[in-house]
Amino acid sequence: MYRTLLILAGSAACFAADGGKLMLHQRSRIPLEGQIGDVRVVMRPVEWEPNRTAIIICDMWDRHWCAGATRRVAELAPAMNEVVKAARDRGVFIIHAPSGTVGFYEDHPARRRAKEVAKTENLPRDIAQWCRWISDEEEQTGYPIDHSDGGCDCEPTCKQGSPWRRQIETIEIAETDAVSDSGPEVWSLLEARGIENVILMGVHTNMCVLGRPFGLRNMARYGRNVVLMRDMTDTMYNSRAKPFVSHFTGTDLVVEHVERYVCPTITSTVFTGKPAFVFKDDKRPHMVILSAESEYKAVETMPILARRLQTECGFSCEVLQGSTGEDDGDLNYISGMEALARADVVIVFARRRAFAADQMTHLRQFLERGGGLVGLRTASHAFDTRGKVPQGHADWLKFDPEVLGGNYHGHYGAGPATTAMCEEGAAGHPILEGVELPFESVASLYRTGPLEHSAQALLSGKIDGQDPEPLAWTHMYGDSRIFYTSLGHVEDFRNPAFRRMLVNAVYWVMAREPARTP
């Protein structure tokens, strides 16, 4: 099937805002209390002035004591250098911070610049110190991965030491840059240039990138607008340690930790215009989730689904969260759909949105090349805005009949429970394997029949006093396998039968056998 570059957020495609500003699409995670989910993903566009922005490159050494870490740095470095060059050309200040090796650059103009900067009078009290935790809440929660063994995932485990001598040569250091691993020097450089915004990249996220004196925690707690460039980093994590996931899933979990407790993240797309970087050994199937509705709490349930598929099924999952309609954001805003360029599967849980035309192009191209799609509940009218299409945006009025094979024309009133039953001839379909039927849903029953002749009904839904309606089915759109269900109410996600069907469907649209099923 198809592979993708991890973006999760991915940032949206690169473009300059008015006046040459940088347009960033920041992703963060907001805690929820008393809900089915514990976080919601928030994506927010922000504009930064390039001349008030710095990139700090953390510990991209020439060699690490872990052979695997050394190998991944060497793979990451060319892509990082491309980002750095593009940022420098836009007017962003570049600070190279190869900790413990700045003496190698003693006579370099970039090192002299840092040494000679006037010490600012308003140095934060602990800017020279590591910051282990940014808050009591973060400390009490702890890291989502166990790196107590040092995080080497090689076999046999490499001997620890300090073999680094310089920054990896692949990343060019210009005379206009700075070289420093000192918190006070870095802070003074930022103050001297009036820099308010900081982008951190480098290694390793769960150690130095977060904790160094110039790292994410200090930048955040002392008032800088700081983000992690999440595709320009790596972790020290041994996949033989808890939570026993792949190395790359370990990195994803740490990135999510950063987004919840420390600061937002972006991707390199903002400077390169390309999909986000992914390591060549990252062979996980990649899922992109388009979440943009306000009726059924997809903003809560989609991160739960993504986490299950990450940790229990070995997926790489990207939640692209649009407006919920409950905030002041643009109802038709979403970013990051360039991730679909190499995705294996997309889940659509959106309602009456007209995304930007360039974003919708990615979805059409994904389907044209045969990518698998799962549609949930309001996906039947995901892109039907009833004529309310802003300039530069696009709807897809026939998405339901053309792609999903459906025929949505309203729904019955809320109240009566819907009974999900197996359609005649559907027993034994891979999507229904292990799904205990019948089951009930509190969701109002959608009017979806009759289906397109090319659709295969799997489940029907019945409420008292009404004829059954198609509830779940498969369809083909060109070479794309499609699954749709009008289920998707927040309570459905508490039902093991629904969850099993949904995971089965994800594998089916990829034409794969389920490896593990949560």
Protein backbone atom coordinates (compact mmCIF):
# COMPACT_ATOMS: atom_id res chain seq x y z
CA MET A 1 0.00 0.00 0.00
CA TYR A 2 1.05 3.58 0.47
CA ARG A 3 3.41 5.27 2.87
CA THR A 4 3.31 8.82 4.15
CA LEU A 5 5.61 11.35 5.68
CA LEU A 6 4.61 12.08 9.28
CA ILE A 7 3.53 15.64 9.69
CA LEU A 8 -0.12 14.27 13.07
CA ALA A 9 -0.06 17.80 12.17
CA GLY A 10 1.13 18.42 10.57
CA SER A 11 1.51 21.96 9.67
CA ALA A 12 -0.26 23.09 6.58
CA ALA A 13 1.41 23.96 3.32
CA CYS A 14 3.98 26.71 3.43
CA PHE A 15 2.95 30.18 2.38
CA ALA A 16 3.91 33.70 3.30
CA ALA A 17 1.42 35.87 5.09
CA ASP A 18 1.01 39.52 4.26
CA GLY A 19 4.28 41.43 4.44
CA GLY A 20 6.43 38.31 4.20
CA LYS A 21 5.45 36.94 7.59
CA LEU A 22 5.78 33.27 8.41
CA MET A 23 2.45 31.45 8.58
CA LEU A 24 2.70 28.64 11.11
CA HIS A 25 0.01 26.09 11.93
CA GLN A 26 0.56 25.25 15.58
CA ARG A 27 -0.73 22.04 17.11
CA SER A 28 -1.37 21.66 20.83
CA ARG A 29 -3.39 19.42 23.15
CA ILE A 30 -5.85 20.83 25.64
CA PRO A 31 -6.84 18.73 28.68
CA LEU A 32 -10.49 17.76 29.06
CA GLU A 33 -12.21 16.93 32.32
CA GLY A 34 -15.24 14.72 32.76
CA GLN A 35 -15.38 13.76 29.08
CA ILE A 36 -14.91 10.51 27.18
CA GLY A 37 -11.49 11.74 26.07
CA ASP A 38 -8.70 13.32 28.12
CA VAL A 39 -7.47 15.80 25.49
CA ARG A 40 -8.58 17.64 22.40
CA VAL A 41 -6.26 18.53 19.55
CA VAL A 42 -6.17 22.23 18.69
CA MET A 43 -4.67 23.58 15.49
CA ARG A 44 -4.18 27.33 15.24
CA PRO A 45 -2.70 29.52 12.50
CA VAL A 46 -0.26 32.19 13.70
CA GLU A 47 1.89 34.75 11.90
CA TRP A 48 5.48 35.44 12.93
CA GLU A 49 7.87 38.12 11.72
CA PRO A 50 10.99 36.37 10.37
CA ASN A 51 13.33 38.97 11.86
CA ARG A 52 11.80 38.34 15.29
CA THR A 53 12.19 34.57 14.99
CA ALA A 54 15.10 32.25 15.79
CA ILE A 55 15.78 28.58 15.20
CA ILE A 56 17.80 26.74 17.86
CA ILE A 57 19.41 23.48 16.71
CA CYS A 58 19.97 21.25 19.71
CA ASP A 59 22.76 18.64 19.97
CA MET A 60 22.95 17.48 16.35
CA TRP A 61 26.35 15.99 17.09
CA ASP A 62 28.69 14.26 14.67
CA ARG A 63 28.50 11.08 16.75
CA HIS A 64 26.45 9.72 19.63
CA TRP A 65 27.31 6.85 21.96
CA CYS A 66 24.23 5.03 20.58
CA ALA A 67 24.83 3.79 17.03
CA GLY A 68 21.11 3.99 16.22
CA ALA A 69 20.94 7.60 17.38
CA THR A 70 24.03 8.45 15.31
CA ARG A 71 22.47 6.84 12.25
CA ARG A 72 19.20 8.73 12.62
CA VAL A 73 20.97 12.07 13.10
CA ALA A 74 22.90 11.44 9.88
CA GLU A 75 19.63 10.71 8.08
CA LEU A 76 17.86 13.73 9.54
CA ALA A 77 20.68 16.23 8.98
CA PRO A 78 20.29 16.83 5.19
CA ALA A 79 16.58 17.57 5.61
CA MET A 80 17.33 19.82 8.58
CA ASN A 81 19.95 21.70 6.62
CA GLU A 82 17.37 22.34 3.89
CA VAL A 83 15.01 23.79 6.50
CA VAL A 84 17.74 25.92 8.05
CA LYS A 85 18.84 27.34 4.69
CA ALA A 86 15.27 28.22 3.75
CA ALA A 87 14.66 29.85 7.13
CA ARG A 88 17.91 31.80 6.95
CA ASP A 89 16.94 33.06 3.50
CA ARG A 90 13.66 34.29 4.97
CA GLY A 91 15.50 36.29 7.65
CA VAL A 92 15.27 33.86 10.58
CA PHE A 93 18.25 33.92 12.98
CA ILE A 94 19.96 30.53 13.35
CA ILE A 95 21.58 29.40 16.61
CA HIS A 96 23.59 26.16 16.57
CA ALA A 97 23.75 24.54 20.02
CA PRO A 98 25.93 21.39 19.92
CA SER A 99 26.30 21.10 23.69
CA GLY A 100 29.79 20.47 25.04
CA THR A 101 31.50 21.00 21.68
CA VAL A 102 31.35 24.75 21.09
CA GLY A 103 35.11 24.93 21.65
CA PHE A 104 35.50 23.32 18.23
CA TYR A 105 34.16 26.59 16.77
CA GLU A 106 36.27 28.94 18.90
CA ASP A 107 37.54 30.93 15.90
CA HIS A 108 34.34 30.80 13.85
CA PRO A 109 32.50 34.14 13.42
CA ALA A 110 29.29 32.48 14.59
CA ARG A 111 30.93 31.47 17.87
CA ARG A 112 32.50 34.90 18.35
CA ARG A 113 29.09 36.49 17.84
CA ALA A 114 27.69 34.54 20.79
CA LYS A 115 30.71 35.16 23.03
CA GLU A 116 30.74 38.88 22.35
CA VAL A 117 27.02 39.56 22.80
CA ALA A 118 26.34 41.93 25.68
CA LYS A 119 24.86 40.13 28.66
CA THR A 120 21.26 41.26 29.00
CA GLU A 121 20.18 42.78 32.28
CA ASN A 122 16.99 40.75 32.51
CA LEU A 123 18.38 37.23 32.48
CA PRO A 124 15.84 34.80 33.96
CA ARG A 125 17.03 33.43 37.28
CA ASP A 126 17.54 29.81 36.20
CA ILE A 127 18.34 30.29 32.52
CA ALA A 128 21.76 28.69 33.06
CA GLN A 129 20.20 25.54 34.51
CA TRP A 130 18.48 22.47 33.14
CA CYS A 131 14.71 22.43 33.60
CA ARG A 132 13.56 18.91 34.45
CA TRP A 133 9.82 19.66 34.55
CA ILE A 134 7.85 22.75 33.64
CA SER A 135 5.10 22.16 36.23
CA ASP A 136 4.04 19.90 39.05
CA GLU A 137 1.42 18.45 36.72
CA GLU A 138 4.04 17.42 34.17
CA GLU A 139 6.25 15.90 36.86
CA GLN A 140 3.38 13.95 38.40
CA THR A 141 2.38 12.63 34.98
CA GLY A 142 5.91 11.77 33.92
CA TYR A 143 7.07 10.80 30.47
CA PRO A 144 4.91 8.55 28.28
CA ILE A 145 7.93 6.32 27.59
CA ASP A 146 10.48 4.65 29.84
CA HIS A 147 13.96 5.87 28.90
CA SER A 148 15.57 5.01 32.23
CA ASP A 149 17.98 2.65 30.44
CA GLY A 150 19.34 5.52 28.34
CA GLY A 151 17.08 4.80 25.40
CA CYS A 152 19.46 2.85 23.16
CA ASP A 153 17.46 0.51 20.92
CA CYS A 154 20.47 -1.31 19.47
CA GLU A 155 21.20 -4.98 20.11
CA PRO A 156 23.48 -5.40 21.92
CA THR A 157 23.07 -2.13 23.79
CA CYS A 158 25.84 0.37 23.03
CA LYS A 159 28.28 1.45 25.71
CA GLN A 160 27.51 4.93 27.00
CA GLY A 161 30.04 7.72 26.70
CA SER A 162 30.65 11.17 25.19
CA PRO A 163 32.14 10.63 21.72
CA TRP A 164 30.79 13.84 20.16
CA ARG A 165 33.30 16.44 19.01
CA ARG A 166 31.27 18.91 16.94
CA GLN A 167 27.93 19.44 15.21
CA ILE A 168 27.41 17.11 12.28
CA GLU A 169 29.09 18.74 9.29
CA THR A 170 26.03 18.28 7.06
CA ILE A 171 24.33 21.23 8.77
CA GLU A 172 26.02 24.35 7.46
CA ILE A 173 26.97 27.14 9.85
CA ALA A 174 26.89 30.55 8.17
CA GLU A 175 28.94 33.49 9.36
CA THR A 176 25.68 35.29 10.16
CA ASP A 177 24.60 32.50 12.55
CA ALA A 178 25.55 31.99 16.19
CA VAL A 179 27.07 29.02 18.02
CA SER A 180 26.35 28.61 21.74
CA ASP A 181 25.26 26.00 24.27
CA SER A 182 24.93 28.56 27.07
CA GLY A 183 21.50 29.55 28.35
CA PRO A 184 22.59 33.10 29.25
CA GLU A 185 24.35 33.57 25.89
CA VAL A 186 21.37 32.30 23.92
CA TRP A 187 18.96 34.45 25.91
CA SER A 188 21.16 37.51 25.43
CA LEU A 189 21.34 36.87 21.68
CA LEU A 190 17.55 36.77 21.54
CA GLU A 191 17.20 39.94 23.60
CA ALA A 192 19.79 41.83 21.56
CA ARG A 193 17.87 41.13 18.35
CA GLY A 194 14.37 41.63 19.73
CA ILE A 195 13.51 38.00 19.04
CA GLU A 196 10.18 36.91 20.49
CA ASN A 197 9.65 33.62 18.66
CA VAL A 198 11.76 30.46 18.91
CA ILE A 199 11.65 27.20 16.95
CA LEU A 200 13.49 24.26 18.56
CA MET A 201 14.75 21.34 16.51
CA GLY A 202 17.35 18.64 17.03
CA VAL A 203 17.79 15.76 19.46
CA HIS A 204 16.65 14.27 21.70
CA THR A 205 13.13 15.47 22.45
CA ASN A 206 12.68 13.56 25.70
CA MET A 207 16.02 14.75 27.05
CA CYS A 208 18.04 17.71 25.75
CA VAL A 209 15.48 19.43 23.52
CA LEU A 210 13.12 19.75 26.47
CA GLY A 211 15.54 20.21 29.33
CA ARG A 212 18.65 22.11 28.22
CA PRO A 213 19.04 25.70 29.48
CA PHE A 214 18.09 26.86 25.97
CA GLY A 215 15.44 24.13 25.63
CA LEU A 216 11.69 24.12 25.27
CA ARG A 217 10.81 24.28 28.96
CA ASN A 218 12.96 27.31 29.75
CA MET A 219 11.87 29.15 26.61
CA ALA A 220 8.22 28.50 27.44
CA ARG A 221 8.32 29.31 31.16
CA TYR A 222 10.27 32.53 30.60
CA GLY A 223 7.86 33.93 28.05
CA ARG A 224 9.15 33.19 24.57
CA ASN A 225 6.69 32.07 21.90
CA VAL A 226 8.28 28.67 21.42
CA VAL A 227 7.40 25.67 19.28
CA LEU A 228 8.96 22.29 18.61
CA MET A 229 9.47 21.37 14.95
CA ARG A 230 8.20 17.86 15.49
CA ASP A 231 9.48 16.22 12.31
CA MET A 232 13.00 17.58 12.88
CA THR A 233 13.67 15.60 16.04
CA ASP A 234 14.14 12.11 17.49
CA THR A 235 13.97 10.44 20.89
CA MET A 236 16.17 8.18 22.95
CA TYR A 237 13.77 5.28 23.39
CA ASN A 238 14.31 1.54 23.49
CA SER A 239 11.22 -0.18 22.10
CA ARG A 240 11.87 -3.11 24.47
CA ALA A 241 10.84 -0.81 27.34
CA LYS A 242 7.40 0.48 28.33
CA PRO A 243 5.03 1.11 26.66
CA PHE A 244 6.54 -1.48 24.27
CA VAL A 245 5.84 0.39 21.03
CA SER A 246 8.05 1.11 18.04
CA HIS A 247 10.83 3.67 18.40
CA PHE A 248 8.92 6.05 16.14
CA THR A 249 5.68 5.68 18.08
CA GLY A 250 7.74 6.50 21.16
CA THR A 251 8.75 9.76 19.50
CA ASP A 252 5.12 10.51 18.63
CA LEU A 253 4.08 9.98 22.24
CA VAL A 254 6.77 12.37 23.47
CA VAL A 255 5.67 14.96 20.91
CA GLU A 256 2.11 14.65 22.23
CA HIS A 257 3.47 15.10 25.76
CA VAL A 258 5.18 18.32 24.65
CA GLU A 259 1.96 19.57 23.06
CA ARG A 260 0.00 18.99 26.24
CA TYR A 261 2.41 20.21 28.92
CA VAL A 262 5.02 22.49 27.37
CA CYS A 263 4.35 24.18 24.02
CA PRO A 264 2.80 23.75 20.56
CA THR A 265 4.50 22.01 17.65
CA ILE A 266 4.82 22.65 13.91
CA THR A 267 6.45 20.85 11.00
CA SER A 268 9.15 21.77 8.51
CA THR A 269 6.47 22.29 5.85
CA VAL A 270 6.33 25.94 6.86
CA PHE A 271 9.77 26.45 5.27
CA THR A 272 10.01 23.72 2.65
CA GLY A 273 6.45 23.45 1.36
CA LYS A 274 6.94 19.67 1.39
CA PRO A 275 5.28 16.96 3.49
CA ALA A 276 6.99 16.45 6.81
CA PHE A 277 10.15 14.38 7.14
CA VAL A 278 9.93 10.71 8.10
CA PHE A 279 12.74 8.26 8.82
CA LYS A 280 13.24 5.53 6.22
CA ASP A 281 12.91 2.79 8.85
CA ASP A 282 9.50 4.06 9.92
CA LYS A 283 7.39 1.41 8.19
CA ARG A 284 4.20 1.95 10.16
CA PRO A 285 0.95 2.30 8.19
CA HIS A 286 -0.03 5.94 8.33
CA MET A 287 -3.51 7.22 9.07
CA VAL A 288 -4.76 10.78 8.69
CA ILE A 289 -7.95 11.77 10.51
CA LEU A 290 -9.96 14.77 9.27
CA SER A 291 -12.01 15.93 12.25
CA ALA A 292 -14.27 18.96 11.86
CA GLU A 293 -17.75 18.78 13.38
CA SER A 294 -19.55 19.95 16.51
CA GLU A 295 -22.49 17.57 16.91
CA TYR A 296 -20.90 14.32 18.10
CA LYS A 297 -17.66 15.27 19.90
CA ALA A 298 -15.26 13.96 17.26
CA VAL A 299 -12.76 16.36 18.81
CA GLU A 300 -12.73 14.01 21.83
CA THR A 301 -13.14 10.60 20.22
CA MET A 302 -10.67 10.94 17.35
CA PRO A 303 -7.59 11.37 19.60
CA ILE A 304 -8.72 8.26 21.51
CA LEU A 305 -8.98 6.29 18.28
CA ALA A 306 -5.60 7.59 17.14
CA ARG A 307 -3.96 6.57 20.43
CA ARG A 308 -5.43 3.05 20.22
CA LEU A 309 -4.19 2.56 16.69
CA GLN A 310 -0.77 3.96 17.64
CA THR A 311 -0.12 1.92 20.72
CA GLU A 312 -2.12 -1.25 20.10
CA CYS A 313 -1.95 -1.67 16.32
CA GLY A 314 1.35 -0.02 15.38
CA PHE A 315 -0.03 2.83 13.26
CA SER A 316 1.30 6.32 12.77
CA CYS A 317 -1.72 8.58 13.28
CA GLU A 318 -2.25 12.23 12.45
CA VAL A 319 -5.33 14.09 13.70
CA LEU A 320 -6.01 17.16 11.57
CA GLN A 321 -8.47 19.07 13.71
CA GLY A 322 -10.60 21.74 12.10
CA SER A 323 -12.96 24.14 13.79
CA THR A 324 -15.62 22.60 16.01
CA GLY A 325 -17.94 25.53 15.55
CA GLU A 326 -17.76 26.10 19.30
CA ASP A 327 -14.87 28.52 19.11
CA ASP A 328 -14.12 31.75 17.29
CA GLY A 329 -12.10 30.04 14.58
CA ASP A 330 -12.90 29.88 10.89
CA LEU A 331 -15.51 27.14 10.46
CA ASN A 332 -13.83 26.02 7.22
CA TYR A 333 -10.26 26.05 8.54
CA ILE A 334 -8.09 22.97 8.47
CA SER A 335 -4.40 22.52 7.74
CA GLY A 336 -2.01 19.71 6.99
CA MET A 337 -3.87 17.76 4.32
CA GLU A 338 -0.66 17.46 2.31
CA ALA A 339 -0.11 14.48 4.63
CA LEU A 340 -2.53 12.60 2.39
CA ALA A 341 0.11 12.55 -0.35
CA ARG A 342 1.48 9.30 1.07
CA ALA A 343 -1.15 8.19 3.57
CA ASP A 344 -2.45 4.64 3.69
CA VAL A 345 -5.88 5.51 5.04
CA VAL A 346 -7.95 8.56 5.91
CA ILE A 347 -10.86 8.82 8.33
CA VAL A 348 -13.38 11.58 7.56
CA PHE A 349 -15.51 12.85 10.44
CA ALA A 350 -16.55 16.31 9.28
CA ARG A 351 -19.84 18.14 8.87
CA ARG A 352 -20.76 20.77 6.28
CA ARG A 353 -17.30 22.17 5.71
CA ALA A 354 -15.74 23.77 2.65
CA PHE A 355 -12.01 23.53 3.26
CA ALA A 356 -9.52 25.63 1.31
CA ALA A 357 -9.38 24.50 -2.31
CA ASP A 358 -5.71 23.49 -2.09
CA GLN A 359 -6.49 21.33 0.95
CA MET A 360 -9.41 19.61 -0.81
CA THR A 361 -7.15 18.90 -3.77
CA HIS A 362 -5.08 16.63 -1.53
CA LEU A 363 -8.17 14.58 -0.65
CA ARG A 364 -9.17 14.16 -4.29
CA GLN A 365 -5.63 13.16 -5.25
CA PHE A 366 -5.52 10.67 -2.38
CA LEU A 367 -8.65 8.95 -3.69
CA GLU A 368 -7.51 9.10 -7.30
CA ARG A 369 -4.46 7.03 -6.42
CA GLY A 370 -6.53 4.42 -4.59
CA GLY A 371 -6.14 5.38 -0.93
CA GLY A 372 -8.54 3.78 1.56
CA LEU A 373 -11.20 5.89 3.30
CA VAL A 374 -13.40 5.39 6.36
CA GLY A 375 -16.36 7.76 6.73
CA LEU A 376 -18.08 8.28 10.08
CA ARG A 377 -21.59 9.60 10.62
CA THR A 378 -21.56 13.21 9.32
CA ALA A 379 -19.11 12.27 6.57
CA SER A 380 -22.22 11.75 4.44
CA HIS A 381 -22.59 15.53 4.33
CA ALA A 382 -19.01 16.44 5.19
CA PHE A 383 -18.50 18.81 2.28
CA ASP A 384 -22.05 20.01 1.57
CA THR A 385 -22.28 23.55 2.91
CA ARG A 386 -25.67 24.23 1.30
CA GLY A 387 -24.10 26.79 -0.97
CA LYS A 388 -22.09 28.62 1.70
CA VAL A 389 -18.66 28.31 0.09
CA PRO A 390 -16.19 31.13 0.86
CA GLN A 391 -13.94 32.40 -1.91
CA GLY A 392 -10.89 30.18 -2.33
CA HIS A 393 -12.63 27.20 -0.74
CA ALA A 394 -14.27 24.12 -2.23
CA ASP A 395 -17.21 21.86 -1.44
CA TRP A 396 -17.92 18.35 -2.78
CA LEU A 397 -21.67 18.03 -3.10
CA LYS A 398 -21.63 14.47 -4.46
CA PHE A 399 -19.11 13.07 -2.00
CA ASP A 400 -21.83 10.91 -0.43
CA PRO A 401 -23.12 9.11 -3.55
CA GLU A 402 -19.87 9.19 -5.51
CA VAL A 403 -17.33 8.25 -2.86
CA LEU A 404 -19.30 6.71 0.00
CA GLY A 405 -22.02 5.11 -2.11
CA GLY A 406 -24.69 6.55 0.20
CA ASN A 407 -27.91 8.51 -0.01
CA TYR A 408 -28.17 10.70 3.08
CA HIS A 409 -31.44 12.63 3.24
CA GLY A 410 -31.92 13.53 6.88
CA HIS A 411 -32.46 11.55 10.05
CA TYR A 412 -35.13 10.45 12.48
CA GLY A 413 -35.51 12.39 15.71
CA ALA A 414 -33.36 11.80 18.73
CA GLY A 415 -34.69 9.47 21.39
CA PRO A 416 -35.37 5.95 20.20
CA ALA A 417 -32.39 3.61 20.40
CA THR A 418 -31.10 2.24 17.10
CA THR A 419 -30.56 -1.51 16.87
CA ALA A 420 -27.66 -2.50 14.60
CA MET A 421 -28.30 -5.78 12.79
CA CYS A 422 -26.35 -7.82 10.25
CA GLU A 423 -27.58 -7.46 6.68
CA GLU A 424 -28.51 -10.61 4.80
CA GLY A 425 -25.42 -12.07 3.16
CA ALA A 426 -22.98 -9.91 5.13
CA ALA A 427 -22.13 -12.44 7.83
CA GLY A 428 -18.51 -13.45 7.51
CA HIS A 429 -17.36 -10.16 6.02
CA PRO A 430 -13.91 -9.25 7.44
CA ILE A 431 -15.23 -5.95 8.81
CA LEU A 432 -17.74 -7.83 10.98
CA GLU A 433 -15.27 -10.40 12.29
CA GLY A 434 -15.48 -10.51 16.08
CA VAL A 435 -18.31 -7.92 16.16
CA GLU A 436 -21.08 -9.03 18.51
CA LEU A 437 -24.45 -8.40 16.88
CA PRO A 438 -26.99 -7.07 17.36
CA PHE A 439 -26.00 -4.04 19.41
CA GLU A 440 -27.69 -0.75 20.25
CA SER A 441 -26.75 2.88 19.70
CA VAL A 442 -28.27 6.04 21.17
CA ALA A 443 -27.51 7.87 17.92
CA SER A 444 -30.48 9.06 15.88
CA LEU A 445 -30.98 6.86 12.84
CA TYR A 446 -29.89 8.40 9.54
CA ARG A 447 -32.06 8.04 6.44
CA THR A 448 -29.54 6.57 4.02
CA GLY A 449 -31.40 4.23 1.66
CA PRO A 450 -31.49 3.24 -1.03
CA LEU A 451 -27.73 2.90 -1.45
CA GLU A 452 -25.88 3.11 -4.74
CA HIS A 453 -26.07 -0.22 -6.58
CA SER A 454 -22.29 -0.58 -6.22
CA ALA A 455 -22.45 -0.46 -2.40
CA GLN A 456 -22.53 -3.60 -0.22
CA ALA A 457 -24.61 -3.23 2.93
CA LEU A 458 -23.15 -4.78 6.08
CA LEU A 459 -25.44 -3.51 8.84
CA SER A 460 -28.93 -2.09 8.96
CA GLY A 461 -30.37 0.08 11.71
CA LYS A 462 -33.87 -0.27 13.10
CA ILE A 463 -35.97 1.92 15.37
CA ASP A 464 -39.48 1.12 16.56
CA GLY A 465 -42.19 1.88 14.05
CA GLN A 466 -39.89 2.53 11.08
CA ASP A 467 -38.40 0.51 8.26
CA PRO A 468 -34.70 -0.39 8.59
CA GLU A 469 -32.08 1.91 7.09
CA PRO A 470 -28.59 0.99 5.88
CA LEU A 471 -26.23 1.58 8.81
CA ALA A 472 -22.82 0.45 7.52
CA TRP A 473 -21.57 -0.52 4.08
CA THR A 474 -18.60 -0.77 1.75
CA HIS A 475 -18.09 0.83 -1.64
CA MET A 476 -15.43 1.26 -4.30
CA TYR A 477 -14.42 4.67 -5.66
CA GLY A 478 -12.13 3.83 -8.53
CA ASP A 479 -9.41 1.75 -6.88
CA SER A 480 -10.20 3.13 -3.41
CA ARG A 481 -11.82 0.89 -0.84
CA ILE A 482 -14.45 2.79 1.13
CA PHE A 483 -16.25 2.00 4.38
CA TYR A 484 -18.97 4.19 5.83
CA THR A 485 -21.16 3.95 8.91
CA SER A 486 -23.77 6.41 10.12
CA LEU A 487 -22.74 5.48 13.66
CA GLY A 488 -20.21 7.68 15.42
CA HIS A 489 -22.09 9.17 18.37
CA VAL A 490 -19.75 9.76 21.30
CA GLU A 491 -21.43 6.89 23.18
CA ASP A 492 -20.72 4.50 20.28
CA PHE A 493 -17.03 4.71 21.12
CA ARG A 494 -17.74 3.12 24.50
CA ASN A 495 -19.13 0.06 22.71
CA PRO A 496 -16.53 -2.70 22.09
CA ALA A 497 -18.54 -4.01 19.13
CA PHE A 498 -18.42 -0.62 17.39
CA ARG A 499 -14.73 -0.17 18.14
CA ARG A 500 -13.95 -3.64 16.79
CA MET A 501 -15.89 -2.92 13.59
CA LEU A 502 -14.10 0.39 13.13
CA VAL A 503 -10.63 -1.09 13.50
CA ASN A 504 -11.54 -3.97 11.19
CA ALA A 505 -12.72 -1.40 8.64
CA VAL A 506 -9.42 0.48 8.81
CA TYR A 507 -7.56 -2.70 7.89
CA TRP A 508 -10.11 -3.64 5.22
CA VAL A 509 -9.83 -0.35 3.33
CA MET A 510 -6.05 -0.87 3.28
CA ALA A 511 -6.57 -4.44 1.98
CA ARG A 512 -4.66 -5.80 4.98
CA GLU A 513 -5.34 -8.45 7.55
CA PRO A 514 -5.74 -7.04 11.08
CA ALA A 515 -2.50 -7.53 12.98
CA ARG A 516 -3.88 -6.64 16.41
CA THR A 517 -7.33 -5.45 17.37
CA PRO A 518 -7.98 -3.31 20.47
